[in-house]
N, C-alpha and C. Protein backbone atom coordinates (compact mmCIF):
# COMPACT_ATOMS: atom_id res chain seq x y z
N MET A 1 138.70 310.63 108.19
CA MET A 1 139.40 310.53 109.46
C MET A 1 140.30 309.30 109.44
N ASN A 2 141.49 309.45 109.95
CA ASN A 2 142.46 308.38 109.99
C ASN A 2 142.05 307.34 111.03
N GLN A 3 141.86 306.10 110.60
CA GLN A 3 141.48 305.02 111.52
C GLN A 3 142.73 304.46 112.17
N LYS A 4 142.74 304.44 113.48
CA LYS A 4 143.87 303.91 114.23
C LYS A 4 143.49 302.52 114.73
N LYS A 5 144.40 301.59 114.55
CA LYS A 5 144.13 300.23 115.01
C LYS A 5 144.62 300.09 116.44
N VAL A 6 143.77 299.50 117.25
CA VAL A 6 144.10 299.27 118.65
C VAL A 6 144.40 297.78 118.81
N THR A 7 145.56 297.49 119.37
CA THR A 7 145.88 296.10 119.67
C THR A 7 146.15 295.98 121.15
N PHE A 8 145.70 294.89 121.72
CA PHE A 8 145.87 294.67 123.15
C PHE A 8 146.57 293.34 123.36
N LYS A 9 147.21 293.24 124.50
CA LYS A 9 147.78 291.95 124.89
C LYS A 9 146.62 290.98 125.05
N LYS A 10 146.95 289.71 125.10
CA LYS A 10 145.92 288.72 125.35
C LYS A 10 145.22 289.08 126.66
N TRP A 11 143.90 289.13 126.60
CA TRP A 11 143.12 289.53 127.76
C TRP A 11 143.11 288.44 128.82
N VAL A 12 143.31 288.85 130.03
CA VAL A 12 143.17 287.97 131.19
C VAL A 12 142.24 288.68 132.15
N LYS A 13 141.77 287.96 133.15
CA LYS A 13 140.92 288.62 134.14
C LYS A 13 141.72 289.73 134.81
N MET A 14 141.07 290.88 134.96
CA MET A 14 141.77 292.05 135.50
C MET A 14 140.99 292.63 136.66
N ASP A 15 141.69 293.35 137.51
CA ASP A 15 141.00 294.11 138.54
C ASP A 15 140.78 295.53 138.03
N ILE A 16 140.05 296.31 138.79
CA ILE A 16 139.65 297.64 138.34
C ILE A 16 140.86 298.55 138.09
N LYS A 17 141.91 298.39 138.88
CA LYS A 17 143.10 299.23 138.69
C LYS A 17 143.75 298.96 137.33
N GLU A 18 143.70 297.71 136.89
CA GLU A 18 144.23 297.39 135.56
C GLU A 18 143.36 297.99 134.47
N PHE A 19 142.05 297.95 134.65
CA PHE A 19 141.15 298.61 133.70
C PHE A 19 141.46 300.10 133.62
N LEU A 20 141.64 300.73 134.78
CA LEU A 20 141.94 302.16 134.82
C LEU A 20 143.22 302.47 134.06
N GLU A 21 144.23 301.65 134.25
CA GLU A 21 145.51 301.87 133.56
C GLU A 21 145.38 301.68 132.06
N ILE A 22 144.66 300.65 131.64
CA ILE A 22 144.44 300.44 130.21
C ILE A 22 143.71 301.64 129.61
N GLN A 23 142.68 302.13 130.31
CA GLN A 23 141.93 303.28 129.81
C GLN A 23 142.82 304.51 129.76
N ARG A 24 143.65 304.71 130.78
CA ARG A 24 144.58 305.85 130.82
C ARG A 24 145.52 305.81 129.61
N GLU A 25 146.10 304.65 129.35
CA GLU A 25 147.02 304.52 128.21
C GLU A 25 146.29 304.69 126.88
N PHE A 26 145.10 304.13 126.78
CA PHE A 26 144.31 304.28 125.55
C PHE A 26 144.01 305.76 125.30
N ASP A 27 143.55 306.45 126.35
CA ASP A 27 143.21 307.86 126.20
C ASP A 27 144.43 308.69 125.82
N LYS A 28 145.56 308.38 126.44
CA LYS A 28 146.79 309.11 126.14
C LYS A 28 147.17 308.96 124.67
N LYS A 29 146.96 307.78 124.14
CA LYS A 29 147.37 307.50 122.76
C LYS A 29 146.34 307.94 121.72
N TYR A 30 145.05 307.78 122.02
CA TYR A 30 144.02 307.94 120.99
C TYR A 30 143.02 309.06 121.21
N LEU A 31 142.88 309.55 122.42
CA LEU A 31 141.82 310.51 122.70
C LEU A 31 142.14 311.88 122.10
N GLU A 32 141.22 312.40 121.31
CA GLU A 32 141.42 313.69 120.65
C GLU A 32 141.39 314.87 121.63
N HIS A 33 140.61 314.76 122.69
CA HIS A 33 140.36 315.89 123.58
C HIS A 33 141.22 315.85 124.85
N LYS A 34 142.29 315.07 124.85
CA LYS A 34 143.07 314.86 126.06
C LYS A 34 143.78 316.12 126.55
N ASN A 35 143.99 317.10 125.69
CA ASN A 35 144.68 318.32 126.11
C ASN A 35 143.74 319.45 126.52
N LEU A 36 142.45 319.19 126.45
CA LEU A 36 141.48 320.20 126.89
C LEU A 36 141.47 320.26 128.41
N PRO A 37 141.03 321.38 128.98
CA PRO A 37 140.87 321.44 130.43
C PRO A 37 139.87 320.37 130.89
N VAL A 38 140.03 319.90 132.10
CA VAL A 38 139.19 318.82 132.63
C VAL A 38 137.70 319.13 132.48
N PRO A 39 137.22 320.34 132.81
CA PRO A 39 135.78 320.59 132.63
C PRO A 39 135.30 320.39 131.18
N GLU A 40 136.14 320.73 130.22
CA GLU A 40 135.77 320.53 128.81
C GLU A 40 135.77 319.05 128.45
N GLN A 41 136.70 318.30 129.02
CA GLN A 41 136.71 316.85 128.77
C GLN A 41 135.46 316.21 129.38
N ILE A 42 135.08 316.65 130.57
CA ILE A 42 133.87 316.13 131.21
C ILE A 42 132.65 316.50 130.38
N ARG A 43 132.61 317.71 129.86
CA ARG A 43 131.49 318.12 129.00
C ARG A 43 131.39 317.20 127.79
N HIS A 44 132.53 316.88 127.18
CA HIS A 44 132.53 316.02 126.01
C HIS A 44 132.06 314.61 126.37
N ILE A 45 132.52 314.09 127.49
CA ILE A 45 132.06 312.78 127.96
C ILE A 45 130.55 312.81 128.19
N THR A 46 130.06 313.90 128.75
CA THR A 46 128.62 314.05 129.00
C THR A 46 127.83 313.96 127.70
N LEU A 47 128.35 314.54 126.63
CA LEU A 47 127.67 314.45 125.33
C LEU A 47 127.58 312.99 124.87
N HIS A 48 128.67 312.25 125.06
CA HIS A 48 128.65 310.84 124.68
C HIS A 48 127.68 310.04 125.56
N ILE A 49 127.63 310.37 126.83
CA ILE A 49 126.68 309.69 127.72
C ILE A 49 125.25 309.99 127.29
N GLY A 50 125.00 311.21 126.86
CA GLY A 50 123.67 311.57 126.35
C GLY A 50 123.29 310.74 125.13
N LYS A 51 124.23 310.52 124.23
CA LYS A 51 123.97 309.67 123.07
C LYS A 51 123.67 308.24 123.51
N MET A 52 124.40 307.78 124.51
CA MET A 52 124.21 306.43 125.02
C MET A 52 122.83 306.29 125.65
N ILE A 53 122.42 307.27 126.42
CA ILE A 53 121.10 307.25 127.04
C ILE A 53 120.02 307.21 125.96
N GLY A 54 120.26 307.88 124.86
CA GLY A 54 119.33 307.83 123.74
C GLY A 54 119.12 306.43 123.21
N LYS A 55 120.19 305.64 123.18
CA LYS A 55 120.07 304.24 122.73
C LYS A 55 119.18 303.44 123.67
N PHE A 56 119.37 303.64 124.97
CA PHE A 56 118.52 302.95 125.94
C PHE A 56 117.08 303.44 125.85
N SER A 57 116.90 304.75 125.64
CA SER A 57 115.55 305.32 125.54
C SER A 57 114.82 304.77 124.32
N THR A 58 115.53 304.63 123.22
CA THR A 58 114.93 304.08 122.01
C THR A 58 114.47 302.65 122.26
N TYR A 59 115.30 301.87 122.93
CA TYR A 59 114.93 300.50 123.27
C TYR A 59 113.65 300.49 124.12
N CYS A 60 113.63 301.30 125.18
CA CYS A 60 112.47 301.34 126.09
C CYS A 60 111.21 301.76 125.35
N GLU A 61 111.31 302.77 124.50
CA GLU A 61 110.14 303.23 123.76
C GLU A 61 109.62 302.14 122.83
N GLN A 62 110.53 301.47 122.14
CA GLN A 62 110.11 300.39 121.24
C GLN A 62 109.41 299.28 122.02
N GLN A 63 109.93 298.95 123.20
CA GLN A 63 109.30 297.92 124.03
C GLN A 63 107.90 298.34 124.46
N GLU A 64 107.74 299.61 124.82
CA GLU A 64 106.41 300.11 125.24
C GLU A 64 105.39 300.03 124.12
N HIS A 65 105.86 300.16 122.87
CA HIS A 65 104.97 300.11 121.72
C HIS A 65 104.86 298.70 121.15
N GLY A 66 105.49 297.73 121.82
CA GLY A 66 105.41 296.35 121.36
C GLY A 66 106.21 296.08 120.10
N VAL A 67 107.20 296.92 119.85
CA VAL A 67 108.02 296.77 118.64
C VAL A 67 109.30 296.03 119.01
N SER A 68 109.66 295.06 118.19
CA SER A 68 110.89 294.32 118.40
C SER A 68 112.08 295.26 118.21
N TYR A 69 113.09 295.09 119.03
CA TYR A 69 114.26 295.97 118.96
C TYR A 69 115.52 295.12 119.06
N ASP A 70 116.43 295.32 118.14
CA ASP A 70 117.69 294.59 118.14
C ASP A 70 118.61 295.17 119.22
N LEU A 71 119.01 294.35 120.17
CA LEU A 71 119.83 294.79 121.29
C LEU A 71 121.32 294.86 120.97
N THR A 72 121.71 294.56 119.75
CA THR A 72 123.13 294.50 119.40
C THR A 72 123.86 295.79 119.76
N GLN A 73 123.30 296.93 119.43
CA GLN A 73 123.97 298.21 119.70
C GLN A 73 124.09 298.47 121.20
N ILE A 74 123.08 298.11 121.96
CA ILE A 74 123.15 298.29 123.41
C ILE A 74 124.20 297.35 124.00
N ILE A 75 124.20 296.11 123.58
CA ILE A 75 125.13 295.12 124.12
C ILE A 75 126.57 295.44 123.72
N ASN A 76 126.80 295.74 122.45
CA ASN A 76 128.16 295.92 121.94
C ASN A 76 128.73 297.32 122.11
N GLU A 77 127.86 298.31 122.32
CA GLU A 77 128.34 299.69 122.44
C GLU A 77 128.00 300.30 123.79
N ALA A 78 126.72 300.37 124.11
CA ALA A 78 126.29 301.14 125.29
C ALA A 78 126.81 300.55 126.60
N ILE A 79 126.71 299.25 126.77
CA ILE A 79 127.17 298.65 128.03
C ILE A 79 128.67 298.84 128.22
N PRO A 80 129.52 298.52 127.23
CA PRO A 80 130.95 298.77 127.43
C PRO A 80 131.26 300.26 127.58
N ASP A 81 130.50 301.12 126.90
CA ASP A 81 130.73 302.56 127.03
C ASP A 81 130.46 303.06 128.44
N LEU A 82 129.49 302.45 129.14
CA LEU A 82 129.25 302.82 130.53
C LEU A 82 130.52 302.64 131.37
N LEU A 83 131.17 301.51 131.18
CA LEU A 83 132.42 301.25 131.91
C LEU A 83 133.51 302.21 131.45
N MET A 84 133.65 302.39 130.15
CA MET A 84 134.69 303.25 129.62
C MET A 84 134.57 304.68 130.16
N HIS A 85 133.36 305.22 130.17
CA HIS A 85 133.18 306.59 130.65
C HIS A 85 133.41 306.69 132.15
N SER A 86 133.04 305.67 132.89
CA SER A 86 133.34 305.65 134.33
C SER A 86 134.84 305.65 134.57
N LEU A 87 135.55 304.83 133.81
CA LEU A 87 137.01 304.78 133.93
C LEU A 87 137.64 306.12 133.56
N ARG A 88 137.17 306.72 132.47
CA ARG A 88 137.71 308.02 132.04
C ARG A 88 137.49 309.09 133.10
N LEU A 89 136.27 309.15 133.63
CA LEU A 89 135.97 310.17 134.64
C LEU A 89 136.80 309.94 135.90
N SER A 90 136.93 308.71 136.31
CA SER A 90 137.74 308.39 137.48
C SER A 90 139.19 308.83 137.27
N ASN A 91 139.73 308.52 136.10
CA ASN A 91 141.10 308.94 135.80
C ASN A 91 141.23 310.46 135.74
N LEU A 92 140.29 311.12 135.10
CA LEU A 92 140.34 312.59 134.98
C LEU A 92 140.32 313.28 136.34
N LEU A 93 139.52 312.74 137.24
CA LEU A 93 139.35 313.37 138.55
C LEU A 93 140.26 312.77 139.62
N ASN A 94 141.13 311.85 139.20
CA ASN A 94 142.08 311.19 140.12
C ASN A 94 141.37 310.57 141.32
N GLU A 95 140.29 309.86 141.03
CA GLU A 95 139.52 309.19 142.08
C GLU A 95 139.70 307.69 141.96
N ASP A 96 139.61 307.02 143.08
CA ASP A 96 139.73 305.56 143.14
C ASP A 96 138.36 304.96 142.85
N LEU A 97 138.17 304.49 141.63
CA LEU A 97 136.87 303.98 141.20
C LEU A 97 136.43 302.79 142.04
N GLU A 98 137.36 301.95 142.41
CA GLU A 98 137.02 300.79 143.23
C GLU A 98 136.40 301.23 144.56
N GLU A 99 137.02 302.19 145.22
CA GLU A 99 136.49 302.70 146.49
C GLU A 99 135.18 303.43 146.30
N LEU A 100 135.08 304.22 145.24
CA LEU A 100 133.82 304.92 144.96
C LEU A 100 132.68 303.92 144.77
N TYR A 101 132.96 302.85 144.04
CA TYR A 101 131.96 301.83 143.77
C TYR A 101 131.53 301.13 145.06
N LYS A 102 132.50 300.72 145.85
CA LYS A 102 132.19 300.04 147.12
C LYS A 102 131.39 300.96 148.04
N ASP A 103 131.81 302.22 148.13
CA ASP A 103 131.09 303.18 148.97
C ASP A 103 129.66 303.37 148.48
N ARG A 104 129.49 303.45 147.17
CA ARG A 104 128.16 303.65 146.62
C ARG A 104 127.25 302.46 146.90
N LEU A 105 127.79 301.25 146.74
CA LEU A 105 126.99 300.06 147.06
C LEU A 105 126.56 300.05 148.52
N GLU A 106 127.46 300.45 149.41
CA GLU A 106 127.13 300.47 150.83
C GLU A 106 126.03 301.50 151.11
N ILE A 107 126.11 302.66 150.49
CA ILE A 107 125.07 303.69 150.65
C ILE A 107 123.73 303.16 150.15
N LEU A 108 123.73 302.53 148.99
CA LEU A 108 122.49 301.98 148.44
C LEU A 108 121.94 300.85 149.30
N ARG A 109 122.82 300.00 149.82
CA ARG A 109 122.39 298.91 150.70
C ARG A 109 121.66 299.46 151.92
N ARG A 110 122.26 300.48 152.56
CA ARG A 110 121.63 301.08 153.74
C ARG A 110 120.28 301.71 153.39
N LYS A 111 120.23 302.38 152.26
CA LYS A 111 118.99 303.04 151.82
C LYS A 111 117.89 302.01 151.59
N ILE A 112 118.22 300.92 150.91
CA ILE A 112 117.23 299.88 150.62
C ILE A 112 116.76 299.23 151.91
N GLU A 113 117.71 298.91 152.79
CA GLU A 113 117.33 298.28 154.05
C GLU A 113 116.45 299.19 154.90
N LYS A 114 116.71 300.49 154.83
CA LYS A 114 115.88 301.46 155.57
C LYS A 114 114.43 301.42 155.09
N TYR A 115 114.25 301.35 153.75
CA TYR A 115 112.90 301.35 153.21
C TYR A 115 112.21 299.99 153.32
N GLU A 116 112.98 298.93 153.36
CA GLU A 116 112.40 297.59 153.48
C GLU A 116 112.15 297.20 154.92
N GLY A 117 112.95 297.79 155.83
CA GLY A 117 112.92 297.37 157.21
C GLY A 117 111.83 297.95 158.01
């Protein structure tokens, strides 16, 4: 497979809209499945999320058995992939991730306060 080099401008602190735009441009340039129908792209993202969940599951299982586990793969791959897949899905569905996130936090806040109160 042909390896494509990705170069970015010097990173500065960004807001979510800038992350979305960077992801949009990255996907346009490098994503193999960009021309598939949206449901097929979501299916493919779901497969990657499943692989990511496997990494977390392996960590949890190792911890339960008292086995040391190197977190490098989770830190360097799984955590950034969570953001990447959220950005991709938001772009695919033309949703405002910032608003979705704020709304979700508010829903969770109310739910927690209901159970604690």
